[in-house]
Amino acid sequence: MRKQSILFMTALVGVVLSFTGALQAQYVPHYVEVSVPFEFVVGEKVLPAGGYKLVCTPSEIEFRDARGQVIAWAIHHSVRTLDAVVSPKLVFVSEGGGHVLRQVWPGGTSYGYELAPTSPVLALAKGRSHTAVQAGGGGNR
């Protein structure tokens, strides 16, 4: 009887693990291409104005430069709106004299990603250049 229980449990664990792998393989990351016209903070890193490709996975968002190199990443949690967001958009907040990325909406869905709160003052102090930088809103694609 004990041997049958062990065989049954082993088979059950195998079935569960095979479904877990299949479910994970079905997730397709969201790819978002944006152009940000101002310097901004992601996590504790300051990114310059420019074009970025974002890869949104279930656990994080990768920020890639024009060459496709990962230059920053951020942990997120999912958020939802009542109305579907038609085109991709980024939501920034102004804190500590700079812009901090808070949300990424990939477009075509009512789901988005909200980044964990960070301390932008430290990031800005570490990465601030000595030249003046003008920041403006809008311009996201």
Protein backbone atom coordinates (compact mmCIF):
# COMPACT_ATOMS: atom_id res chain seq x y z
CA MET A 1 0.00 0.00 0.00
CA ARG A 2 2.80 2.41 0.88
CA LYS A 3 4.55 1.69 -2.43
CA GLN A 4 1.36 2.49 -4.36
CA SER A 5 0.96 5.79 -2.49
CA ILE A 6 4.52 6.80 -3.35
CA LEU A 7 4.00 5.92 -7.02
CA PHE A 8 0.72 7.86 -7.11
CA MET A 9 2.28 10.95 -5.49
CA THR A 10 5.26 10.82 -7.86
CA ALA A 11 2.94 10.64 -10.86
CA LEU A 12 0.80 13.50 -9.49
CA VAL A 13 3.84 15.73 -8.96
CA GLY A 14 5.01 14.96 -12.51
CA VAL A 15 1.63 15.94 -13.97
CA VAL A 16 1.50 19.18 -11.97
CA LEU A 17 5.03 20.13 -13.00
CA SER A 18 4.31 19.46 -16.66
CA PHE A 19 1.28 21.80 -16.56
CA THR A 20 3.28 24.48 -14.78
CA GLY A 21 5.87 24.47 -17.55
CA ALA A 22 3.19 24.61 -20.23
CA LEU A 23 1.45 27.56 -18.57
CA GLN A 24 4.68 29.50 -18.20
CA ALA A 25 5.58 28.84 -21.83
CA GLN A 26 2.26 30.31 -22.97
CA TYR A 27 3.02 33.79 -21.57
CA VAL A 28 4.01 36.21 -24.31
CA PRO A 29 5.85 39.30 -23.08
CA HIS A 30 4.61 42.75 -24.06
CA TYR A 31 7.03 44.81 -26.18
CA VAL A 32 6.64 48.58 -26.04
CA GLU A 33 8.68 51.08 -28.04
CA VAL A 34 8.69 54.64 -26.69
CA SER A 35 10.48 57.92 -27.13
CA VAL A 36 10.87 59.87 -23.89
CA PRO A 37 11.78 63.57 -24.39
CA PHE A 38 13.26 64.07 -20.91
CA GLU A 39 15.58 62.46 -18.36
CA PHE A 40 13.73 60.10 -16.00
CA VAL A 41 14.26 57.71 -13.11
CA VAL A 42 13.63 53.95 -13.18
CA GLY A 43 14.35 52.26 -9.87
CA GLU A 44 17.56 53.92 -8.73
CA LYS A 45 18.87 54.61 -12.22
CA VAL A 46 18.59 57.84 -14.19
CA LEU A 47 17.98 57.30 -17.91
CA PRO A 48 18.56 60.05 -20.47
CA ALA A 49 15.97 61.28 -22.94
CA GLY A 50 15.72 59.00 -25.96
CA GLY A 51 14.16 55.94 -27.51
CA TYR A 52 13.67 52.76 -25.53
CA LYS A 53 12.30 49.29 -26.10
CA LEU A 54 10.56 47.88 -23.02
CA VAL A 55 10.09 44.15 -22.52
CA CYS A 56 7.34 43.49 -19.95
CA THR A 57 7.33 40.02 -18.39
CA PRO A 58 5.26 38.67 -15.46
CA SER A 59 7.93 39.69 -12.95
CA GLU A 60 9.84 42.67 -14.37
CA ILE A 61 10.24 45.27 -17.07
CA GLU A 62 13.53 45.45 -18.99
CA PHE A 63 14.60 48.73 -20.54
CA ARG A 64 16.68 48.30 -23.69
CA ASP A 65 18.61 50.87 -25.69
CA ALA A 66 18.68 51.22 -29.50
CA ARG A 67 21.21 48.34 -29.75
CA GLY A 68 18.93 46.03 -27.75
CA GLN A 69 21.17 46.01 -24.65
CA VAL A 70 19.43 45.85 -21.27
CA ILE A 71 20.32 49.09 -19.48
CA ALA A 72 17.84 48.98 -16.59
CA TRP A 73 15.08 46.84 -15.15
CA ALA A 74 12.29 47.29 -12.65
CA ILE A 75 10.03 45.02 -10.65
CA HIS A 76 6.32 45.68 -11.07
CA HIS A 77 2.85 44.56 -10.13
CA SER A 78 -0.16 44.43 -12.43
CA VAL A 79 -2.79 47.15 -12.55
CA ARG A 80 -6.07 47.37 -14.41
CA THR A 81 -8.29 50.13 -15.71
CA LEU A 82 -11.98 49.95 -16.57
CA ASP A 83 -11.40 51.04 -20.16
CA ALA A 84 -8.84 49.45 -22.47
CA VAL A 85 -5.82 51.61 -23.23
CA VAL A 86 -5.67 51.81 -27.02
CA SER A 87 -2.03 52.77 -27.63
CA PRO A 88 1.04 52.27 -25.41
CA LYS A 89 1.70 54.96 -22.83
CA LEU A 90 3.99 55.67 -19.90
CA VAL A 91 2.86 57.49 -16.77
CA PHE A 92 5.41 59.68 -14.97
CA VAL A 93 5.24 61.61 -11.71
CA SER A 94 7.39 64.59 -10.80
CA GLU A 95 9.36 64.04 -7.61
CA GLY A 96 12.58 65.47 -6.22
CA GLY A 97 13.16 67.74 -9.20
CA GLY A 98 12.84 65.01 -11.83
CA HIS A 99 10.46 62.59 -13.52
CA VAL A 100 9.89 59.09 -12.16
CA LEU A 101 8.31 56.33 -14.25
CA ARG A 102 5.34 54.84 -12.38
CA GLN A 103 3.24 52.93 -14.90
CA VAL A 104 3.59 51.24 -18.27
CA TRP A 105 0.48 50.54 -20.36
CA PRO A 106 1.31 48.34 -23.38
CA GLY A 107 -1.88 49.25 -25.25
CA GLY A 108 -4.67 47.13 -26.65
CA THR A 109 -5.66 45.89 -23.20
CA SER A 110 -7.00 47.12 -19.86
CA TYR A 111 -3.98 45.74 -18.01
CA GLY A 112 -0.76 47.57 -17.27
CA TYR A 113 2.27 47.50 -15.00
CA GLU A 114 2.97 49.68 -11.97
CA LEU A 115 6.56 50.03 -10.80
CA ALA A 116 7.52 49.80 -7.17
CA PRO A 117 8.03 53.18 -5.47
CA THR A 118 11.64 54.31 -5.33
CA SER A 119 13.68 57.14 -3.88
CA PRO A 120 14.20 59.43 -6.88
CA VAL A 121 16.17 62.01 -4.93
CA LEU A 122 19.06 59.56 -4.43
CA ALA A 123 19.00 58.43 -8.05
CA LEU A 124 18.93 62.00 -9.32
CA ALA A 125 21.77 62.99 -7.01
CA LYS A 126 23.90 60.04 -8.20
CA GLY A 127 23.20 60.51 -11.89
CA ARG A 128 22.74 64.27 -12.20
CA SER A 129 25.03 65.91 -14.71
CA HIS A 130 26.26 69.47 -14.19
CA THR A 131 24.43 70.72 -17.26
CA ALA A 132 20.88 72.02 -17.10
CA VAL A 133 18.23 69.61 -18.36
CA GLN A 134 14.79 70.74 -19.48
CA ALA A 135 11.94 68.33 -18.90
CA GLY A 136 8.60 68.35 -20.67
CA GLY A 137 5.54 66.16 -20.78
CA GLY A 138 4.02 64.21 -23.63
CA GLY A 139 5.77 62.82 -26.63
CA ASN A 140 5.24 59.16 -25.76
CA ARG A 141 4.28 56.82 -28.56
